[in-house]
Protein backbone atom coordinates (compact mmCIF):
# COMPACT_ATOMS: atom_id res chain seq x y z
CA MET A 1 -0.01 0.01 0.00
CA ASN A 2 1.16 3.56 -0.71
CA TRP A 3 1.07 5.14 2.77
CA LYS A 4 1.52 8.58 1.26
CA GLY A 5 -2.09 8.43 0.29
CA GLU A 6 -5.04 8.97 2.61
CA VAL A 7 -6.66 6.12 4.53
CA SER A 8 -10.39 6.60 4.60
CA MET A 9 -11.52 4.08 7.22
CA GLU A 10 -15.06 4.40 8.45
CA LEU A 11 -16.10 4.01 12.07
CA ARG A 12 -18.46 1.27 10.96
CA GLN A 13 -15.59 -0.74 9.53
CA ILE A 14 -13.69 -0.51 12.78
CA GLN A 15 -16.69 -1.60 14.74
CA TYR A 16 -17.28 -4.60 12.41
CA PHE A 17 -13.58 -5.51 12.52
CA ILE A 18 -13.46 -5.49 16.37
CA GLU A 19 -16.58 -7.62 16.60
CA VAL A 20 -15.36 -10.18 14.10
CA ALA A 21 -11.96 -10.36 15.87
CA LYS A 22 -13.71 -10.91 19.16
CA ARG A 23 -15.95 -13.73 17.92
CA GLU A 24 -13.69 -15.18 15.20
CA HIS A 25 -16.84 -15.85 13.20
CA VAL A 26 -18.44 -13.53 10.67
CA THR A 27 -22.00 -14.85 11.07
CA GLU A 28 -21.93 -14.56 14.81
CA ALA A 29 -20.49 -11.06 14.60
CA ALA A 30 -23.25 -10.07 12.15
CA HIS A 31 -25.93 -11.43 14.55
CA ALA A 32 -24.40 -9.44 17.41
CA LEU A 33 -24.26 -6.26 15.25
CA HIS A 34 -27.84 -6.87 13.90
CA VAL A 35 -26.73 -6.59 10.32
CA ALA A 36 -26.48 -8.95 7.38
CA GLN A 37 -23.49 -11.24 7.18
CA SER A 38 -22.79 -9.96 3.67
CA ALA A 39 -22.53 -6.41 5.02
CA VAL A 40 -19.96 -7.42 7.54
CA SER A 41 -17.96 -9.40 5.03
CA ARG A 42 -18.05 -6.50 2.52
CA GLN A 43 -16.85 -3.96 5.09
CA ILE A 44 -14.03 -6.18 6.29
CA TYR A 45 -12.93 -6.74 2.66
CA LYS A 46 -13.02 -3.00 1.97
CA LEU A 47 -10.96 -2.37 5.11
CA GLU A 48 -8.32 -4.92 4.12
CA GLN A 49 -8.25 -3.43 0.61
CA GLU A 50 -7.78 0.04 2.05
CA LEU A 51 -4.97 -1.05 4.33
CA GLY A 52 -3.36 -3.34 1.78
CA VAL A 53 -2.98 -6.24 4.26
CA ASP A 54 -4.88 -9.38 5.30
CA LEU A 55 -6.26 -8.90 8.77
CA PHE A 56 -7.79 -12.41 8.99
CA VAL A 57 -7.00 -15.94 7.94
CA ARG A 58 -10.19 -17.61 6.67
CA GLU A 59 -10.90 -21.22 7.70
CA GLY A 60 -14.38 -22.08 6.50
CA ARG A 61 -16.83 -20.04 8.49
CA ASN A 62 -14.27 -19.25 11.16
CA VAL A 63 -11.65 -16.52 10.95
CA HIS A 64 -8.46 -15.87 12.92
CA LEU A 65 -6.39 -12.73 13.14
CA THR A 66 -3.11 -12.55 11.36
CA PRO A 67 -0.13 -11.16 13.29
CA ILE A 68 -0.64 -7.74 11.83
CA GLY A 69 -4.36 -8.05 12.39
CA ARG A 70 -3.79 -8.69 16.08
CA SER A 71 -1.56 -5.59 16.35
CA PHE A 72 -4.12 -3.56 14.45
CA LEU A 73 -6.87 -4.72 16.77
CA GLY A 74 -5.02 -3.37 19.83
CA HIS A 75 -4.73 0.04 18.22
CA MET A 76 -8.36 0.05 17.10
CA LYS A 77 -9.61 -0.84 20.59
CA GLU A 78 -7.70 2.10 21.97
CA ALA A 79 -9.03 4.34 19.19
CA MET A 80 -12.60 3.27 19.95
CA LYS A 81 -12.14 4.13 23.62
CA VAL A 82 -11.06 7.62 22.64
CA ILE A 83 -13.98 8.00 20.22
CA GLU A 84 -16.54 6.69 22.75
CA SER A 85 -15.16 8.90 25.42
CA GLY A 86 -15.36 11.91 23.16
CA LEU A 87 -18.93 11.17 22.10
CA ARG A 88 -20.03 10.57 25.65
CA GLU A 89 -18.43 13.81 26.80
CA VAL A 90 -20.16 15.73 24.09
CA GLU A 91 -23.46 14.09 25.01
CA GLU A 92 -22.95 14.96 28.70
CA TYR A 93 -22.06 18.54 27.93
CA MET A 94 -25.40 18.76 26.22
CA ASP A 95 -27.10 17.26 29.28
CA PRO A 96 -24.91 16.27 32.29
CA GLU A 97 -28.04 15.17 34.15
CA ARG A 98 -28.43 12.22 31.76
CA GLY A 99 -24.81 11.07 31.56
CA THR A 100 -23.27 7.80 32.77
CA ILE A 101 -20.84 7.48 35.66
CA ARG A 102 -18.27 4.68 35.45
CA ILE A 103 -16.99 3.91 38.91
CA GLY A 104 -15.08 1.05 40.48
CA PHE A 105 -15.19 -0.26 44.02
CA PRO A 106 -13.78 -3.04 46.25
CA SER A 107 -16.04 -5.67 47.84
CA SER A 108 -15.57 -4.06 51.27
CA LEU A 109 -17.41 -0.92 50.08
CA ALA A 110 -20.03 -2.67 48.03
CA ALA A 111 -22.66 -3.51 50.66
CA TYR A 112 -23.23 -0.07 52.22
CA THR A 113 -20.81 2.81 51.54
CA LEU A 114 -21.23 3.03 47.75
CA PRO A 115 -24.97 2.18 47.64
CA ILE A 116 -25.92 4.92 50.17
CA ALA A 117 -23.88 7.45 48.27
CA ILE A 118 -25.51 6.49 44.89
CA SER A 119 -28.93 6.47 46.44
CA ALA A 120 -28.48 9.97 47.89
CA PHE A 121 -27.07 11.25 44.59
CA ARG A 122 -29.93 9.83 42.53
CA GLU A 123 -32.46 11.63 44.78
CA ILE A 124 -31.00 14.83 43.34
CA HIS A 125 -29.99 13.56 39.86
CA PRO A 126 -32.48 10.77 39.00
CA GLU A 127 -31.64 10.43 35.33
CA VAL A 128 -27.91 9.74 35.74
CA LYS A 129 -26.88 6.17 35.01
CA PHE A 130 -24.09 4.13 36.62
CA GLN A 131 -21.74 1.49 35.33
CA LEU A 132 -20.22 -0.28 38.37
CA LYS A 133 -17.08 -2.37 38.30
CA GLN A 134 -15.86 -4.37 41.30
CA GLY A 135 -12.13 -5.02 41.61
CA SER A 136 -9.25 -5.49 43.95
CA TYR A 137 -7.21 -2.57 45.22
CA HIS A 138 -4.51 -2.70 42.52
CA GLN A 139 -7.00 -3.56 39.80
CA LEU A 140 -9.02 -0.38 40.57
CA ILE A 141 -5.89 1.77 40.36
CA GLU A 142 -5.00 0.28 37.02
CA MET A 143 -8.53 0.61 35.63
CA VAL A 144 -8.63 4.35 36.43
CA ALA A 145 -5.15 4.86 35.06
CA ARG A 146 -5.97 3.04 31.80
CA GLY A 147 -9.30 4.86 31.36
CA GLU A 148 -11.48 1.79 31.77
CA ILE A 149 -13.33 3.71 34.47
CA ASP A 150 -13.27 7.35 35.42
CA MET A 151 -13.12 7.03 39.23
CA ALA A 152 -13.08 4.52 42.02
CA LEU A 153 -13.89 4.37 45.72
CA ILE A 154 -10.95 2.84 47.46
CA GLY A 155 -9.32 2.35 50.86
CA PRO A 156 -6.69 3.24 51.76
CA VAL A 157 -6.20 6.07 49.26
CA PRO A 158 -2.96 5.79 47.25
CA LEU A 159 -1.32 9.22 47.40
CA LYS A 160 1.92 8.57 45.49
CA GLU A 161 0.65 7.14 42.17
CA ARG A 162 1.84 9.23 39.22
CA SER A 163 -1.15 8.59 36.96
CA ILE A 164 -3.97 9.08 39.41
CA ARG A 165 -5.01 11.62 42.06
CA GLY A 166 -6.56 10.54 45.35
CA GLU A 167 -8.59 12.34 47.97
CA ILE A 168 -9.43 10.99 51.42
CA LEU A 169 -13.16 11.21 52.24
CA PHE A 170 -13.31 9.58 55.74
CA MET A 171 -11.66 7.19 58.19
CA GLU A 172 -13.01 3.70 58.75
CA ARG A 173 -12.52 1.52 61.83
CA ILE A 174 -11.31 -2.08 61.55
CA VAL A 175 -12.83 -4.50 64.01
CA ALA A 176 -12.43 -8.15 64.99
CA LEU A 177 -15.04 -10.67 64.00
CA LEU A 178 -14.96 -13.79 66.15
CA PRO A 179 -17.01 -17.00 66.39
CA ALA A 180 -19.41 -16.88 69.30
CA SER A 181 -17.57 -19.84 70.81
CA HIS A 182 -14.27 -17.89 70.98
CA PRO A 183 -12.80 -17.50 74.52
CA LEU A 184 -12.79 -13.70 74.14
CA ALA A 185 -16.29 -13.50 72.65
CA GLY A 186 -17.75 -12.18 75.94
CA ASP A 187 -15.27 -9.26 76.23
CA SER A 188 -16.20 -5.70 75.39
CA SER A 189 -13.06 -5.16 73.30
CA VAL A 190 -9.84 -6.93 72.44
CA ARG A 191 -6.20 -6.05 72.10
CA LEU A 192 -4.53 -7.16 68.84
CA SER A 193 -1.87 -9.02 70.79
CA ASP A 194 -4.64 -11.18 72.31
CA LEU A 195 -5.27 -12.64 68.85
CA LYS A 196 -1.74 -13.53 67.89
CA ASP A 197 -2.31 -17.26 68.33
CA ASP A 198 -5.59 -17.43 66.51
CA SER A 199 -6.22 -18.80 63.01
CA PHE A 200 -7.15 -16.01 60.60
CA ILE A 201 -9.41 -15.90 57.57
CA LEU A 202 -8.14 -13.18 55.22
CA PHE A 203 -8.17 -12.03 51.64
CA PRO A 204 -5.50 -13.54 49.41
CA GLU A 205 -2.10 -11.94 48.92
CA GLY A 206 -2.29 -8.77 46.86
CA PHE A 207 -5.46 -7.55 48.60
CA VAL A 208 -4.88 -4.46 50.63
CA LEU A 209 -7.05 -5.56 53.59
CA ARG A 210 -4.75 -8.56 54.04
CA GLU A 211 -1.73 -6.32 53.95
CA MET A 212 -3.26 -4.05 56.66
CA VAL A 213 -3.78 -6.99 58.98
CA VAL A 214 -0.35 -8.46 58.42
CA ASN A 215 1.33 -5.08 58.85
CA ALA A 216 -0.59 -4.38 62.06
CA PHE A 217 0.69 -7.64 63.57
CA LYS A 218 4.16 -7.05 62.18
CA GLU A 219 4.40 -3.84 64.21
CA LEU A 220 3.74 -5.96 67.29
CA GLY A 221 6.43 -8.48 66.27
CA TYR A 222 4.04 -11.21 65.20
CA HIS A 223 2.74 -12.76 61.96
CA PRO A 224 -0.90 -13.90 61.85
CA GLN A 225 -1.59 -17.58 61.25
CA ILE A 226 -3.71 -17.72 58.09
CA SER A 227 -5.93 -20.83 57.77
CA PHE A 228 -8.30 -19.74 55.03
CA GLU A 229 -8.48 -17.18 52.27
CA GLY A 230 -11.45 -15.67 50.50
CA GLU A 231 -11.79 -12.99 47.79
CA ASP A 232 -15.30 -11.92 48.90
CA ILE A 233 -16.15 -10.24 52.19
CA ASP A 234 -19.31 -12.30 52.60
CA ALA A 235 -17.39 -15.57 52.12
CA ILE A 236 -14.92 -14.51 54.86
CA LYS A 237 -17.76 -13.68 57.22
CA GLY A 238 -19.37 -17.03 56.47
CA LEU A 239 -16.16 -18.92 57.34
CA VAL A 240 -15.98 -17.11 60.63
CA SER A 241 -19.64 -17.95 61.29
CA ALA A 242 -18.74 -21.63 60.67
CA GLY A 243 -16.14 -21.38 63.45
CA LEU A 244 -13.15 -21.85 61.12
CA GLY A 245 -11.17 -18.82 62.31
CA ILE A 246 -11.36 -15.10 63.03
CA THR A 247 -10.86 -12.02 60.86
CA LEU A 248 -10.39 -8.29 60.96
CA ILE A 249 -12.70 -6.35 58.66
CA PRO A 250 -14.03 -2.80 58.22
CA GLU A 251 -16.85 -2.17 60.73
CA VAL A 252 -19.14 -0.80 58.04
CA THR A 253 -19.26 -4.24 56.37
CA LEU A 254 -21.30 -5.43 59.42
CA VAL A 255 -23.90 -2.64 59.20
CA ASP A 256 -26.66 -5.01 58.15
CA GLY A 257 -26.08 -7.21 61.14
CA LEU A 258 -23.65 -9.83 62.35
CA PRO A 259 -23.40 -13.23 60.71
CA ARG A 260 -24.92 -16.14 62.62
CA SER A 261 -22.91 -17.25 65.66
CA THR A 262 -20.36 -14.42 65.56
CA VAL A 263 -19.45 -11.44 67.73
CA LYS A 264 -17.88 -8.11 66.79
CA LEU A 265 -15.26 -6.59 69.09
CA PRO A 266 -13.52 -3.22 68.74
CA ILE A 267 -9.75 -3.34 68.90
CA SER A 268 -8.60 -1.30 71.89
CA GLU A 269 -4.85 -1.50 71.31
CA PRO A 270 -3.53 -0.47 68.87
CA ARG A 271 -6.34 1.23 66.99
CA VAL A 272 -6.60 -0.24 63.49
CA GLU A 273 -8.19 1.89 60.82
CA ARG A 274 -7.92 2.84 57.20
CA ASN A 275 -8.81 5.95 55.19
CA VAL A 276 -11.33 5.64 52.36
CA GLY A 277 -11.53 7.97 49.47
CA ILE A 278 -11.90 8.57 45.77
CA ILE A 279 -9.31 8.28 42.97
CA ILE A 280 -9.54 9.97 39.58
CA PRO A 281 -7.11 10.41 36.64
CA ARG A 282 -4.37 12.91 37.23
CA ASP A 283 -3.85 14.06 33.64
CA ARG A 284 -7.30 14.01 32.06
CA PRO A 285 -10.38 15.91 33.17
CA LEU A 286 -13.48 14.15 34.41
CA PRO A 287 -16.47 14.30 32.07
CA PRO A 288 -19.16 16.59 33.43
CA THR A 289 -21.44 13.91 34.94
CA GLU A 290 -18.52 12.25 36.71
CA GLN A 291 -17.40 15.70 38.01
CA LEU A 292 -20.92 16.20 39.33
CA PHE A 293 -20.70 12.90 41.28
CA TYR A 294 -17.11 13.59 42.45
CA ASP A 295 -18.11 16.98 43.92
CA PHE A 296 -21.18 15.34 45.51
CA LEU A 297 -19.07 12.63 47.21
CA ARG A 298 -16.72 15.22 48.67
CA SER A 299 -19.66 17.07 50.17
CA PHE A 300 -21.58 13.92 51.17
CA PHE A 301 -18.75 12.42 53.22
CA THR A 302 -17.97 15.64 55.09
CA ARG A 303 -20.80 14.34 57.30
CA VAL A 304 -19.05 10.95 57.72
CA ASP A 305 -18.69 11.25 61.52
CA LYS A 306 -22.45 11.63 61.81
CA LEU A 307 -23.07 8.88 59.25
CA ASN A 308 -20.70 6.48 61.00
CA HIS A 309 -22.92 6.57 64.06
CA HIS A 310 -25.65 5.09 61.86
CA PHE A 311 -23.32 2.59 60.26
CA VAL A 312 -22.78 0.52 63.42
């Protein structure tokens, strides 16, 4: 191909190409796009002719990307993100009250903190839509940095990441959850050192709540004995309920009540807590609807001390 000439790719061609690449089947891609198979085949052919390369290897009704096709796919996915973001931003500038907020969150903030914030926001802005993505601590940071989402609730707030900006909204107390049969279950509080010989149920390595527990014990010169791991806060609470160990979790995750046969004890010494806040991209502005929600969160959680009395 003579690259000195102009390439006149159409948005439709890119959309068809991405769909065929994803499904590796022209007919299935056509069904997903709600167009005729011949239309998809024709646009893919025109795109290949325009580029001067084969993007797919045909094997009957199936297709597979060529090496250059796979490289081209990566670029086109990034291009579509930019286009979709631009179109969405234009739409929101026309009417921010009807935009979509893409926000991520960890499981520890899924049951109460994020839902009450969204509920309060929608009382004021009922037409705004939400796309919610749950992820681990490091996944959320990467998703915001890559532009997969525009913001995330997270705890603790990372303050030294180059690609994102974080703001602390409130502090959250970490408490001990014990089986009702535990020798300390009748106490009004517990010292962290009193739990050094217990079996713990924690998140897997790489989860920040696990790191918090391990680091808290490390400062006392101990390492917690970990008997079970779970990636979901409800699963961890269930294992404690079954008497298989103890855990340390944010107090707000128990707002809807204690699991069966468990007790919650505050930690008297040392106090264990984490900050919770919001992260956004450092080098790109938030679309208007996201900025609306971001400003709302900052205002909403200035009342966190009052709200925390209702949490527990």
